[in-house]
Amino acid sequence: MKHDTYEKYEDMDTDLPQRALLTAWDCLCRYHDDLVLAGGLAVKYLTLPPAQGVPGPVTLDVDFGIHLGASAGQYSSMKDLLGSHGFDWSHDDKRFLRKFDELDLYIDLLTEDGESNMGTAIVDDSLPVGTIPGINRALEKHRRVDITGKTLVGSAMTQSIKVAEVGPMLALKLNAFGGPKGRKSPKDAHDIFYLANHYLDGVDAAILAFREERAAGNYAARLAEVALKNYFLDHEAEGPLACVAFQMNNQHDLPEFAEESLQLRQQFVTLALELLG
C-alpha cells in the first residue's frame, strides 16, 4: 500500500511493519543467506532520523530481496513459517498478507533472474514472485543493522538484519518510480530524495555509491539513469513535483508554499545531476 501524501501515513500505525520485520527475520533464520531487506524500511535504517517537522521515511509493508535459488530443502517452507505467524500467501497478489484492524500488512518478495525487466519467477520451490533488475546487487551490497523493537506478539527483540546498501537502493527506488514498471508514486520520489540527503554516511557517499553501481554493471543503475534523465532534470518535471506533493501534502502549488516548493524541487534537480555525474 502506498499513500500519496505524508500525512496519510502519520495517521496509521507505521510501527507495525518493523514488528512484522522482526517477526519474519526471526522465523526465517534458515533463509538469512538468501534474503535482504529492501523498500521503505531499508530507507529508514540507512538514514538519520528527520529533523523536527521534516517528513521522514514511512512504509506500511516489508520488502525482501531473495535469491532466485532460495530454498529450505526438506525443512519448513516460507509459506509454513510465515503462515504460523498469521501471514497467508495471496495467490492473486503474489505476496504474503496479514490483516490488522488498522491495515492490511504485506510481506513482498522480489528476485532477479538476470534476463527480465519484469515478470515472475519461482522461489522456494513454489512461490511465484516478481522479478526486477538490481536485486542481486542488493543481496551482494548490504550492511548489517541491529534493529531493536517488539515482535507481533509483543516480545522485545534485537535482530541483526541485512539491509540493502544505498547504491543498490537508489537504483531500485529510481526504477520503482520511472523504470519499465515505474508507478510514478510520490512516495518513491520522496524515498529517493530522503535516502540520498539523509544517508548515514552523508550525501556525497550516497552519490558515489550510486555511481559505483553503474561501474559495477548493475543493470538497474543503467535503467535508473534513464529515469533520472526522463523525470528529474527540471524543477517542473514529474519526479521533483511528485516529491514535494508527497512532502507538502498536495499543498505545494498553493501561493503561500510556492517558494518552499521551488527550493525543494531545485534541490532534487541538483541531486539528480550529481547522481548522473
C-alpha atoms as a PDB file:
ATOM      1  CA  MET A   1       0.000   0.000   0.000  1.00  0.00           C
ATOM      2  CA  LYS A   2       1.272   3.484  -0.899  1.00  0.00           C
ATOM      3  CA  HIS A   3      -0.424   6.759   0.001  1.00  0.00           C
ATOM      4  CA  ASP A   4       0.018   9.941  -1.988  1.00  0.00           C
ATOM      5  CA  THR A   5       0.890  12.219   0.973  1.00  0.00           C
ATOM      6  CA  TYR A   6       2.965  12.002   4.117  1.00  0.00           C
ATOM      7  CA  GLU A   7       0.132  12.991   6.463  1.00  0.00           C
ATOM      8  CA  LYS A   8      -1.859   9.899   5.495  1.00  0.00           C
ATOM      9  CA  TYR A   9       0.949   7.733   6.893  1.00  0.00           C
ATOM     10  CA  GLU A  10       1.090   9.749  10.111  1.00  0.00           C
ATOM     11  CA  ASP A  11      -2.482   8.698  10.863  1.00  0.00           C
ATOM     12  CA  MET A  12      -1.622   4.977  10.739  1.00  0.00           C
ATOM     13  CA  ASP A  13       0.424   2.565  12.847  1.00  0.00           C
ATOM     14  CA  THR A  14       3.746   2.695  10.996  1.00  0.00           C
ATOM     15  CA  ASP A  15       5.366   0.662  13.798  1.00  0.00           C
ATOM     16  CA  LEU A  16       3.595  -2.486  12.599  1.00  0.00           C
ATOM     17  CA  PRO A  17       5.970  -3.075   9.636  1.00  0.00           C
ATOM     18  CA  GLN A  18       9.009  -3.082  11.946  1.00  0.00           C
ATOM     19  CA  ARG A  19       7.277  -5.555  14.242  1.00  0.00           C
ATOM     20  CA  ALA A  20       6.488  -7.707  11.208  1.00  0.00           C
ATOM     21  CA  LEU A  21      10.108  -7.424  10.050  1.00  0.00           C
ATOM     22  CA  LEU A  22      11.485  -8.623  13.390  1.00  0.00           C
ATOM     23  CA  THR A  23       8.968 -11.464  13.450  1.00  0.00           C
ATOM     24  CA  ALA A  24       9.704 -12.537   9.875  1.00  0.00           C
ATOM     25  CA  TRP A  25      13.500 -12.300  10.150  1.00  0.00           C
ATOM     26  CA  ASP A  26      13.443 -14.362  13.325  1.00  0.00           C
ATOM     27  CA  CYS A  27      11.303 -17.172  11.902  1.00  0.00           C
ATOM     28  CA  LEU A  28      13.090 -17.211   8.515  1.00  0.00           C
ATOM     29  CA  CYS A  29      16.513 -17.918  10.029  1.00  0.00           C
ATOM     30  CA  ARG A  30      17.200 -20.723   7.508  1.00  0.00           C
ATOM     31  CA  TYR A  31      16.845 -18.180   4.688  1.00  0.00           C
ATOM     32  CA  HIS A  32      19.126 -15.437   6.021  1.00  0.00           C
ATOM     33  CA  ASP A  33      21.824 -16.127   3.415  1.00  0.00           C
ATOM     34  CA  ASP A  34      19.241 -15.590   0.671  1.00  0.00           C
ATOM     35  CA  LEU A  35      17.362 -12.535   1.984  1.00  0.00           C
ATOM     36  CA  VAL A  36      17.997  -8.800   2.224  1.00  0.00           C
ATOM     37  CA  LEU A  37      15.700  -6.011   3.395  1.00  0.00           C
ATOM     38  CA  ALA A  38      14.768  -3.502   0.689  1.00  0.00           C
ATOM     39  CA  GLY A  39      11.950  -0.982   0.191  1.00  0.00           C
ATOM     40  CA  GLY A  40      10.774   1.704   2.589  1.00  0.00           C
ATOM     41  CA  LEU A  41      12.054   0.020   5.741  1.00  0.00           C
ATOM     42  CA  ALA A  42      15.538  -0.143   4.234  1.00  0.00           C
ATOM     43  CA  VAL A  43      15.378   3.634   3.702  1.00  0.00           C
ATOM     44  CA  LYS A  44      14.552   4.048   7.388  1.00  0.00           C
ATOM     45  CA  TYR A  45      17.563   2.046   8.574  1.00  0.00           C
ATOM     46  CA  LEU A  46      20.009   3.611   6.110  1.00  0.00           C
ATOM     47  CA  THR A  47      19.272   7.192   7.113  1.00  0.00           C
ATOM     48  CA  LEU A  48      19.499   9.611  10.006  1.00  0.00           C
ATOM     49  CA  PRO A  49      16.280  10.495  11.847  1.00  0.00           C
ATOM     50  CA  PRO A  50      14.487  13.519  10.372  1.00  0.00           C
ATOM     51  CA  ALA A  51      14.644  16.933  11.962  1.00  0.00           C
ATOM     52  CA  GLN A  52      11.528  18.271  13.651  1.00  0.00           C
ATOM     53  CA  GLY A  53       8.806  18.865  11.062  1.00  0.00           C
ATOM     54  CA  VAL A  54      10.690  17.174   8.195  1.00  0.00           C
ATOM     55  CA  PRO A  55       8.853  14.242   6.555  1.00  0.00           C
ATOM     56  CA  GLY A  56      10.905  11.110   7.184  1.00  0.00           C
ATOM     57  CA  PRO A  57      10.802   7.574   5.786  1.00  0.00           C
ATOM     58  CA  VAL A  58       7.472   5.788   6.193  1.00  0.00           C
ATOM     59  CA  THR A  59       6.115   2.471   4.994  1.00  0.00           C
ATOM     60  CA  LEU A  60       3.246   0.073   5.590  1.00  0.00           C
ATOM     61  CA  ASP A  61       4.805  -3.168   4.327  1.00  0.00           C
ATOM     62  CA  VAL A  62       8.000  -5.233   4.353  1.00  0.00           C
ATOM     63  CA  ASP A  63      10.013  -5.873   1.180  1.00  0.00           C
ATOM     64  CA  PHE A  64      12.660  -8.578   0.889  1.00  0.00           C
ATOM     65  CA  GLY A  65      15.021  -9.266  -1.959  1.00  0.00           C
ATOM     66  CA  ILE A  66      15.540 -13.022  -2.317  1.00  0.00           C
ATOM     67  CA  HIS A  67      17.962 -15.171  -4.296  1.00  0.00           C
ATOM     68  CA  LEU A  68      16.329 -16.993  -7.179  1.00  0.00           C
ATOM     69  CA  GLY A  69      17.525 -20.358  -5.859  1.00  0.00           C
ATOM     70  CA  ALA A  70      16.432 -19.837  -2.245  1.00  0.00           C
ATOM     71  CA  SER A  71      15.067 -22.980  -0.642  1.00  0.00           C
ATOM     72  CA  ALA A  72      14.985 -24.575   2.784  1.00  0.00           C
ATOM     73  CA  GLY A  73      15.047 -28.029   1.195  1.00  0.00           C
ATOM     74  CA  GLN A  74      13.459 -30.640   3.432  1.00  0.00           C
ATOM     75  CA  TYR A  75      12.691 -28.091   6.147  1.00  0.00           C
ATOM     76  CA  SER A  76       9.604 -25.907   6.532  1.00  0.00           C
ATOM     77  CA  SER A  77       8.901 -23.593   3.611  1.00  0.00           C
ATOM     78  CA  MET A  78       8.417 -19.828   3.817  1.00  0.00           C
ATOM     79  CA  LYS A  79       4.680 -20.428   3.443  1.00  0.00           C
ATOM     80  CA  ASP A  80       4.717 -22.616   6.544  1.00  0.00           C
ATOM     81  CA  LEU A  81       6.979 -20.366   8.598  1.00  0.00           C
ATOM     82  CA  LEU A  82       5.219 -17.091   7.842  1.00  0.00           C
ATOM     83  CA  GLY A  83       1.833 -18.802   7.940  1.00  0.00           C
ATOM     84  CA  SER A  84       2.494 -19.752  11.561  1.00  0.00           C
ATOM     85  CA  HIS A  85       2.639 -16.014  12.303  1.00  0.00           C
ATOM     86  CA  GLY A  86      -0.606 -15.189  10.527  1.00  0.00           C
ATOM     87  CA  PHE A  87       0.789 -14.287   7.086  1.00  0.00           C
ATOM     88  CA  ASP A  88      -1.070 -16.115   4.344  1.00  0.00           C
ATOM     89  CA  TRP A  89       0.163 -16.380   0.767  1.00  0.00           C
ATOM     90  CA  SER A  90      -2.107 -14.410  -1.565  1.00  0.00           C
ATOM     91  CA  HIS A  91      -2.171 -16.170  -4.941  1.00  0.00           C
ATOM     92  CA  ASP A  92      -3.815 -13.151  -6.570  1.00  0.00           C
ATOM     93  CA  ASP A  93      -1.294 -10.602  -5.296  1.00  0.00           C
ATOM     94  CA  LYS A  94       1.688 -12.988  -5.126  1.00  0.00           C
ATOM     95  CA  ARG A  95       2.664 -11.752  -1.669  1.00  0.00           C
ATOM     96  CA  PHE A  96       2.118 -12.586   1.986  1.00  0.00           C
ATOM     97  CA  LEU A  97      -0.747 -10.860   3.792  1.00  0.00           C
ATOM     98  CA  ARG A  98      -1.854 -10.490   7.390  1.00  0.00           C
ATOM     99  CA  LYS A  99      -4.891  -8.382   8.123  1.00  0.00           C
ATOM    100  CA  PHE A 100      -4.914  -5.983  11.075  1.00  0.00           C
ATOM    101  CA  ASP A 101      -7.654  -3.626  12.206  1.00  0.00           C
ATOM    102  CA  GLU A 102      -5.568  -0.651  11.055  1.00  0.00           C
ATOM    103  CA  LEU A 103      -4.338  -2.008   7.721  1.00  0.00           C
ATOM    104  CA  ASP A 104      -3.562  -4.979   5.505  1.00  0.00           C
ATOM    105  CA  LEU A 105       0.142  -5.651   6.063  1.00  0.00           C
ATOM    106  CA  TYR A 106       2.055  -7.286   3.220  1.00  0.00           C
ATOM    107  CA  ILE A 107       5.411  -9.015   3.062  1.00  0.00           C
ATOM    108  CA  ASP A 108       6.723  -8.821  -0.502  1.00  0.00           C
ATOM    109  CA  LEU A 109       9.435 -10.914  -2.113  1.00  0.00           C
ATOM    110  CA  LEU A 110      11.403  -9.739  -5.154  1.00  0.00           C
ATOM    111  CA  THR A 111      14.030 -11.639  -7.115  1.00  0.00           C
ATOM    112  CA  GLU A 112      16.195 -11.252 -10.223  1.00  0.00           C
ATOM    113  CA  ASP A 113      16.611 -13.788 -12.998  1.00  0.00           C
ATOM    114  CA  GLY A 114      19.333 -11.970 -14.951  1.00  0.00           C
ATOM    115  CA  GLU A 115      17.107 -11.614 -18.015  1.00  0.00           C
ATOM    116  CA  SER A 116      13.789  -9.879 -17.310  1.00  0.00           C
ATOM    117  CA  ASN A 117      12.861  -6.268 -16.567  1.00  0.00           C
ATOM    118  CA  MET A 118       9.558  -7.592 -15.272  1.00  0.00           C
ATOM    119  CA  GLY A 119       7.638 -10.795 -14.807  1.00  0.00           C
ATOM    120  CA  THR A 120       7.641 -13.603 -12.259  1.00  0.00           C
ATOM    121  CA  ALA A 121       9.918 -16.424 -11.201  1.00  0.00           C
ATOM    122  CA  ILE A 122       9.554 -19.318  -8.772  1.00  0.00           C
ATOM    123  CA  VAL A 123      11.468 -19.187  -5.476  1.00  0.00           C
ATOM    124  CA  ASP A 124      11.402 -21.548  -2.517  1.00  0.00           C
ATOM    125  CA  ASP A 125      10.094 -24.284  -4.842  1.00  0.00           C
ATOM    126  CA  SER A 126       6.540 -22.892  -5.114  1.00  0.00           C
ATOM    127  CA  LEU A 127       6.277 -19.098  -4.763  1.00  0.00           C
ATOM    128  CA  PRO A 128       5.788 -17.053  -7.974  1.00  0.00           C
ATOM    129  CA  VAL A 129       7.343 -13.687  -7.077  1.00  0.00           C
ATOM    130  CA  GLY A 130       8.100 -10.542  -9.044  1.00  0.00           C
ATOM    131  CA  THR A 131      11.394 -10.174 -10.895  1.00  0.00           C
ATOM    132  CA  ILE A 132      13.185  -6.841 -11.199  1.00  0.00           C
ATOM    133  CA  PRO A 133      16.757  -5.819 -12.042  1.00  0.00           C
ATOM    134  CA  GLY A 134      19.021  -4.853  -9.148  1.00  0.00           C
ATOM    135  CA  ILE A 135      18.017  -7.420  -6.531  1.00  0.00           C
ATOM    136  CA  ASN A 136      21.231  -9.414  -6.890  1.00  0.00           C
ATOM    137  CA  ARG A 137      23.313  -6.297  -6.219  1.00  0.00           C
ATOM    138  CA  ALA A 138      21.123  -5.535  -3.207  1.00  0.00           C
ATOM    139  CA  LEU A 139      21.855  -9.021  -1.915  1.00  0.00           C
ATOM    140  CA  GLU A 140      25.554  -8.562  -2.572  1.00  0.00           C
ATOM    141  CA  LYS A 141      25.945  -4.970  -1.309  1.00  0.00           C
ATOM    142  CA  HIS A 142      24.351  -4.706   2.117  1.00  0.00           C
ATOM    143  CA  ARG A 143      25.103  -3.679   5.665  1.00  0.00           C
ATOM    144  CA  ARG A 144      24.152  -5.310   8.937  1.00  0.00           C
ATOM    145  CA  VAL A 145      21.856  -3.207  11.100  1.00  0.00           C
ATOM    146  CA  ASP A 146      20.906  -4.109  14.658  1.00  0.00           C
ATOM    147  CA  ILE A 147      17.176  -3.431  14.970  1.00  0.00           C
ATOM    148  CA  THR A 148      15.510  -3.478  18.373  1.00  0.00           C
ATOM    149  CA  GLY A 149      11.781  -3.499  18.992  1.00  0.00           C
ATOM    150  CA  LYS A 150       8.802  -5.698  19.654  1.00  0.00           C
ATOM    151  CA  THR A 151       7.568  -8.608  17.589  1.00  0.00           C
ATOM    152  CA  LEU A 152       3.951  -9.052  16.552  1.00  0.00           C
ATOM    153  CA  VAL A 153       3.266 -10.967  19.773  1.00  0.00           C
ATOM    154  CA  GLY A 154       4.829  -8.185  21.847  1.00  0.00           C
ATOM    155  CA  SER A 155       8.162  -9.722  22.883  1.00  0.00           C
ATOM    156  CA  ALA A 156      11.250  -7.464  22.893  1.00  0.00           C
ATOM    157  CA  MET A 157      13.935  -8.495  20.432  1.00  0.00           C
ATOM    158  CA  THR A 158      17.100  -7.327  18.696  1.00  0.00           C
ATOM    159  CA  GLN A 159      17.917  -8.760  15.282  1.00  0.00           C
ATOM    160  CA  SER A 160      20.991  -8.179  13.102  1.00  0.00           C
ATOM    161  CA  ILE A 161      19.326  -7.712   9.718  1.00  0.00           C
ATOM    162  CA  LYS A 162      20.877  -7.434   6.258  1.00  0.00           C
ATOM    163  CA  VAL A 163      19.793  -4.130   4.700  1.00  0.00           C
ATOM    164  CA  ALA A 164      20.457  -3.321   1.036  1.00  0.00           C
ATOM    165  CA  GLU A 165      23.055  -0.557   0.763  1.00  0.00           C
ATOM    166  CA  VAL A 166      22.398   2.921  -0.539  1.00  0.00           C
ATOM    167  CA  GLY A 167      23.741   2.415  -4.083  1.00  0.00           C
ATOM    168  CA  PRO A 168      21.535  -0.564  -4.940  1.00  0.00           C
ATOM    169  CA  MET A 169      18.620   1.023  -3.059  1.00  0.00           C
ATOM    170  CA  LEU A 170      18.791   4.249  -5.078  1.00  0.00           C
ATOM    171  CA  ALA A 171      18.819   2.216  -8.285  1.00  0.00           C
ATOM    172  CA  LEU A 172      15.823   0.166  -7.118  1.00  0.00           C
ATOM    173  CA  LYS A 173      13.867   3.225  -5.981  1.00  0.00           C
ATOM    174  CA  LEU A 174      14.554   5.165  -9.188  1.00  0.00           C
ATOM    175  CA  ASN A 175      13.287   2.188 -11.181  1.00  0.00           C
ATOM    176  CA  ALA A 176      10.256   1.881  -8.937  1.00  0.00           C
ATOM    177  CA  PHE A 177       9.433   5.470  -9.884  1.00  0.00           C
ATOM    178  CA  GLY A 178      10.418   5.716 -13.533  1.00  0.00           C
ATOM    179  CA  GLY A 179      11.713   2.369 -14.783  1.00  0.00           C
ATOM    180  CA  PRO A 180       9.999  -0.119 -17.125  1.00  0.00           C
ATOM    181  CA  LYS A 181       7.487  -0.963 -14.370  1.00  0.00           C
ATOM    182  CA  GLY A 182       7.569   2.521 -12.869  1.00  0.00           C
ATOM    183  CA  ARG A 183       4.479   3.566 -10.935  1.00  0.00           C
ATOM    184  CA  LYS A 184       5.357   7.288 -10.583  1.00  0.00           C
ATOM    185  CA  SER A 185       4.435   7.087  -6.899  1.00  0.00           C
ATOM    186  CA  PRO A 186       5.050  10.325  -4.958  1.00  0.00           C
ATOM    187  CA  LYS A 187       6.299   8.236  -2.032  1.00  0.00           C
ATOM    188  CA  ASP A 188       9.027   6.666  -4.198  1.00  0.00           C
ATOM    189  CA  ALA A 189      10.206  10.137  -5.219  1.00  0.00           C
ATOM    190  CA  HIS A 190      10.287  11.156  -1.556  1.00  0.00           C
ATOM    191  CA  ASP A 191      12.229   7.988  -0.656  1.00  0.00           C
ATOM    192  CA  ILE A 192      14.890   8.774  -3.281  1.00  0.00           C
ATOM    193  CA  PHE A 193      15.300  12.351  -2.057  1.00  0.00           C
ATOM    194  CA  TYR A 194      15.375  11.414   1.632  1.00  0.00           C
ATOM    195  CA  LEU A 195      17.673   8.414   1.189  1.00  0.00           C
ATOM    196  CA  ALA A 196      20.336  10.380  -0.651  1.00  0.00           C
ATOM    197  CA  ASN A 197      20.193  13.503   1.502  1.00  0.00           C
ATOM    198  CA  HIS A 198      19.979  11.787   4.903  1.00  0.00           C
ATOM    199  CA  TYR A 199      22.176   8.727   4.275  1.00  0.00           C
ATOM    200  CA  LEU A 200      24.091   7.660   7.397  1.00  0.00           C
ATOM    201  CA  ASP A 201      27.471   8.282   5.751  1.00  0.00           C
ATOM    202  CA  GLY A 202      26.482  11.552   4.084  1.00  0.00           C
ATOM    203  CA  VAL A 203      25.073  12.672   0.748  1.00  0.00           C
ATOM    204  CA  ASP A 204      28.463  12.569  -1.022  1.00  0.00           C
ATOM    205  CA  ALA A 205      28.862   8.912  -0.033  1.00  0.00           C
ATOM    206  CA  ALA A 206      25.367   8.144  -1.330  1.00  0.00           C
ATOM    207  CA  ILE A 207      26.103   9.785  -4.691  1.00  0.00           C
ATOM    208  CA  LEU A 208      29.425   7.933  -5.006  1.00  0.00           C
ATOM    209  CA  ALA A 209      27.759   4.623  -4.117  1.00  0.00           C
ATOM    210  CA  PHE A 210      25.183   5.086  -6.879  1.00  0.00           C
ATOM    211  CA  ARG A 211      27.888   5.874  -9.420  1.00  0.00           C
ATOM    212  CA  GLU A 212      29.729   2.729  -8.316  1.00  0.00           C
ATOM    213  CA  GLU A 213      26.638   0.681  -9.153  1.00  0.00           C
ATOM    214  CA  ARG A 214      26.893   1.862 -12.736  1.00  0.00           C
ATOM    215  CA  ALA A 215      30.588   0.975 -12.812  1.00  0.00           C
ATOM    216  CA  ALA A 216      29.839  -2.452 -11.312  1.00  0.00           C
ATOM    217  CA  GLY A 217      27.492  -3.275 -14.179  1.00  0.00           C
ATOM    218  CA  ASN A 218      24.247  -3.148 -12.202  1.00  0.00           C
ATOM    219  CA  TYR A 219      21.631  -3.140 -14.956  1.00  0.00           C
ATOM    220  CA  ALA A 220      19.200  -1.455 -12.582  1.00  0.00           C
ATOM    221  CA  ALA A 221      21.583   1.507 -12.389  1.00  0.00           C
ATOM    222  CA  ARG A 222      21.526   1.876 -16.179  1.00  0.00           C
ATOM    223  CA  LEU A 223      17.734   1.935 -16.082  1.00  0.00           C
ATOM    224  CA  ALA A 224      17.879   4.382 -13.182  1.00  0.00           C
ATOM    225  CA  GLU A 225      19.965   6.763 -15.299  1.00  0.00           C
ATOM    226  CA  VAL A 226      17.177   6.792 -17.872  1.00  0.00           C
ATOM    227  CA  ALA A 227      14.639   7.513 -15.132  1.00  0.00           C
ATOM    228  CA  LEU A 228      16.765  10.408 -13.865  1.00  0.00           C
ATOM    229  CA  LYS A 229      17.005  11.904 -17.353  1.00  0.00           C
ATOM    230  CA  ASN A 230      13.306  11.434 -18.096  1.00  0.00           C
ATOM    231  CA  TYR A 231      11.770  12.607 -14.823  1.00  0.00           C
ATOM    232  CA  PHE A 232      14.196  14.523 -12.598  1.00  0.00           C
ATOM    233  CA  LEU A 233      16.277  17.084 -14.521  1.00  0.00           C
ATOM    234  CA  ASP A 234      13.896  20.024 -14.336  1.00  0.00           C
ATOM    235  CA  HIS A 235      12.101  21.555 -11.362  1.00  0.00           C
ATOM    236  CA  GLU A 236       8.834  21.219 -13.289  1.00  0.00           C
ATOM    237  CA  ALA A 237       9.496  17.561 -14.103  1.00  0.00           C
ATOM    238  CA  GLU A 238       7.339  14.786 -12.693  1.00  0.00           C
ATOM    239  CA  GLY A 239       9.886  13.478 -10.171  1.00  0.00           C
ATOM    240  CA  PRO A 240      10.557  16.676  -8.182  1.00  0.00           C
ATOM    241  CA  LEU A 241       6.879  17.627  -8.346  1.00  0.00           C
ATOM    242  CA  ALA A 242       5.832  14.211  -7.037  1.00  0.00           C
ATOM    243  CA  CYS A 243       8.320  14.536  -4.178  1.00  0.00           C
ATOM    244  CA  VAL A 244       7.052  17.911  -2.971  1.00  0.00           C
ATOM    245  CA  ALA A 245       3.433  16.830  -3.430  1.00  0.00           C
ATOM    246  CA  PHE A 246       4.111  13.960  -1.008  1.00  0.00           C
ATOM    247  CA  GLN A 247       6.105  16.009   1.497  1.00  0.00           C
ATOM    248  CA  MET A 248       3.774  19.022   1.438  1.00  0.00           C
ATOM    249  CA  ASN A 249       0.540  17.014   1.424  1.00  0.00           C
ATOM    250  CA  ASN A 250      -0.586  18.205  -2.008  1.00  0.00           C
ATOM    251  CA  GLN A 251      -0.345  21.857  -0.959  1.00  0.00           C
ATOM    252  CA  HIS A 252       2.848  22.504  -2.930  1.00  0.00           C
ATOM    253  CA  ASP A 253       1.063  24.540  -5.598  1.00  0.00           C
ATOM    254  CA  LEU A 254      -0.588  26.962  -3.160  1.00  0.00           C
ATOM    255  CA  PRO A 255       0.822  30.523  -3.379  1.00  0.00           C
ATOM    256  CA  GLU A 256       1.908  30.578   0.271  1.00  0.00           C
ATOM    257  CA  PHE A 257       4.098  27.477  -0.280  1.00  0.00           C
ATOM    258  CA  ALA A 258       5.437  28.388  -3.717  1.00  0.00           C
ATOM    259  CA  GLU A 259       8.927  29.395  -2.557  1.00  0.00           C
ATOM    260  CA  GLU A 260       9.421  26.352  -0.330  1.00  0.00           C
ATOM    261  CA  SER A 261       8.181  24.070  -3.099  1.00  0.00           C
ATOM    262  CA  LEU A 262      10.541  25.594  -5.660  1.00  0.00           C
ATOM    263  CA  GLN A 263      13.550  25.303  -3.340  1.00  0.00           C
ATOM    264  CA  LEU A 264      12.883  21.625  -2.671  1.00  0.00           C
ATOM    265  CA  ARG A 265      12.395  20.870  -6.346  1.00  0.00           C
ATOM    266  CA  GLN A 266      15.608  22.684  -7.266  1.00  0.00           C
ATOM    267  CA  GLN A 267      17.448  20.657  -4.629  1.00  0.00           C
ATOM    268  CA  PHE A 268      16.135  17.484  -6.231  1.00  0.00           C
ATOM    269  CA  VAL A 269      17.340  18.582  -9.678  1.00  0.00           C
ATOM    270  CA  THR A 270      20.792  19.261  -8.228  1.00  0.00           C
ATOM    271  CA  LEU A 271      20.798  15.799  -6.649  1.00  0.00           C
ATOM    272  CA  ALA A 272      19.754  14.178  -9.936  1.00  0.00           C
ATOM    273  CA  LEU A 273      22.583  15.914 -11.802  1.00  0.00           C
ATOM    274  CA  GLU A 274      25.071  14.763  -9.150  1.00  0.00           C
ATOM    275  CA  LEU A 275      23.823  11.173  -9.374  1.00  0.00           C
ATOM    276  CA  LEU A 276      24.336  11.264 -13.139  1.00  0.00           C
ATOM    277  CA  GLY A 277      27.823  12.668 -12.616  1.00  0.00           C
END
